[in-house]
Amino acid sequence: MTTIITTLLTALLTPPPRRDERGLSQSVENAILLAGAVVIAGIVIAVITAYVRANLPT
């Protein structure tokens, strides 16, 4: 019985673990990934446009 009370008191009185706040927030990570996807899409479109223009009959 004493161990149960000791365990409960220890669980209630110890401070909660500190949050690990290193790294970026989820919204910032999503914004960076979205910006990267837009850049890659722009590069792909530019490459395809240049290829098509170079191979058009004159």
C-alpha atoms as a PDB file:
ATOM      1  CA  MET A   1       0.000   0.000   0.000  1.00  0.00           C
ATOM      2  CA  THR A   2       2.843   2.348   0.823  1.00  0.00           C
ATOM      3  CA  THR A   3       4.441   1.794  -2.576  1.00  0.00           C
ATOM      4  CA  ILE A   4       1.220   2.727  -4.341  1.00  0.00           C
ATOM      5  CA  ILE A   5       0.935   5.960  -2.349  1.00  0.00           C
ATOM      6  CA  THR A   6       4.612   6.740  -2.931  1.00  0.00           C
ATOM      7  CA  THR A   7       4.251   6.103  -6.648  1.00  0.00           C
ATOM      8  CA  LEU A   8       1.156   8.290  -6.900  1.00  0.00           C
ATOM      9  CA  LEU A   9       2.760  11.119  -4.937  1.00  0.00           C
ATOM     10  CA  THR A  10       5.901  10.932  -7.034  1.00  0.00           C
ATOM     11  CA  ALA A  11       3.882  11.046 -10.239  1.00  0.00           C
ATOM     12  CA  LEU A  12       1.816  13.995  -9.026  1.00  0.00           C
ATOM     13  CA  LEU A  13       4.624  16.050  -7.525  1.00  0.00           C
ATOM     14  CA  THR A  14       7.343  15.706 -10.152  1.00  0.00           C
ATOM     15  CA  PRO A  15       7.317  18.469 -12.754  1.00  0.00           C
ATOM     16  CA  PRO A  16       6.267  17.506 -16.265  1.00  0.00           C
ATOM     17  CA  PRO A  17       9.080  16.924 -18.744  1.00  0.00           C
ATOM     18  CA  ARG A  18      10.260  20.023 -20.567  1.00  0.00           C
ATOM     19  CA  ARG A  19       9.113  20.457 -24.133  1.00  0.00           C
ATOM     20  CA  ASP A  20      11.788  20.128 -26.749  1.00  0.00           C
ATOM     21  CA  GLU A  21      11.372  23.400 -28.627  1.00  0.00           C
ATOM     22  CA  ARG A  22      14.237  22.921 -31.033  1.00  0.00           C
ATOM     23  CA  GLY A  23      13.367  22.863 -34.692  1.00  0.00           C
ATOM     24  CA  LEU A  24      10.724  24.622 -36.699  1.00  0.00           C
ATOM     25  CA  SER A  25       7.005  24.732 -36.154  1.00  0.00           C
ATOM     26  CA  GLN A  26       4.807  22.617 -38.376  1.00  0.00           C
ATOM     27  CA  SER A  27       3.430  25.620 -40.268  1.00  0.00           C
ATOM     28  CA  VAL A  28       6.930  26.918 -41.042  1.00  0.00           C
ATOM     29  CA  GLU A  29       7.976  23.483 -42.275  1.00  0.00           C
ATOM     30  CA  ASN A  30       4.884  23.332 -44.501  1.00  0.00           C
ATOM     31  CA  ALA A  31       5.629  26.800 -45.901  1.00  0.00           C
ATOM     32  CA  ILE A  32       9.215  25.831 -46.717  1.00  0.00           C
ATOM     33  CA  LEU A  33       8.100  22.611 -48.412  1.00  0.00           C
ATOM     34  CA  LEU A  34       5.465  24.483 -50.406  1.00  0.00           C
ATOM     35  CA  ALA A  35       8.002  27.090 -51.531  1.00  0.00           C
ATOM     36  CA  GLY A  36      10.374  24.313 -52.594  1.00  0.00           C
ATOM     37  CA  ALA A  37       7.627  22.607 -54.576  1.00  0.00           C
ATOM     38  CA  VAL A  38       6.783  25.883 -56.336  1.00  0.00           C
ATOM     39  CA  VAL A  39      10.435  26.426 -57.251  1.00  0.00           C
ATOM     40  CA  ILE A  40      10.789  22.890 -58.622  1.00  0.00           C
ATOM     41  CA  ALA A  41       7.559  23.249 -60.615  1.00  0.00           C
ATOM     42  CA  GLY A  42       8.836  26.533 -62.058  1.00  0.00           C
ATOM     43  CA  ILE A  43      12.103  24.911 -63.106  1.00  0.00           C
ATOM     44  CA  VAL A  44      10.277  22.003 -64.761  1.00  0.00           C
ATOM     45  CA  ILE A  45       7.968  24.370 -66.646  1.00  0.00           C
ATOM     46  CA  ALA A  46      10.914  26.498 -67.791  1.00  0.00           C
ATOM     47  CA  VAL A  47      12.828  23.445 -69.032  1.00  0.00           C
ATOM     48  CA  ILE A  48       9.838  22.047 -70.922  1.00  0.00           C
ATOM     49  CA  THR A  49       9.052  25.462 -72.445  1.00  0.00           C
ATOM     50  CA  ALA A  50      12.651  25.900 -73.592  1.00  0.00           C
ATOM     51  CA  TYR A  51      12.692  22.397 -75.088  1.00  0.00           C
ATOM     52  CA  VAL A  52       9.426  22.903 -76.964  1.00  0.00           C
ATOM     53  CA  ARG A  53      10.494  26.319 -78.307  1.00  0.00           C
ATOM     54  CA  ALA A  54      13.848  24.916 -79.422  1.00  0.00           C
ATOM     55  CA  ASN A  55      12.172  22.078 -81.327  1.00  0.00           C
ATOM     56  CA  LEU A  56       9.352  24.011 -83.002  1.00  0.00           C
ATOM     57  CA  PRO A  57       9.552  24.004 -86.778  1.00  0.00           C
ATOM     58  CA  THR A  58      10.477  27.377 -88.194  1.00  0.00           C
END
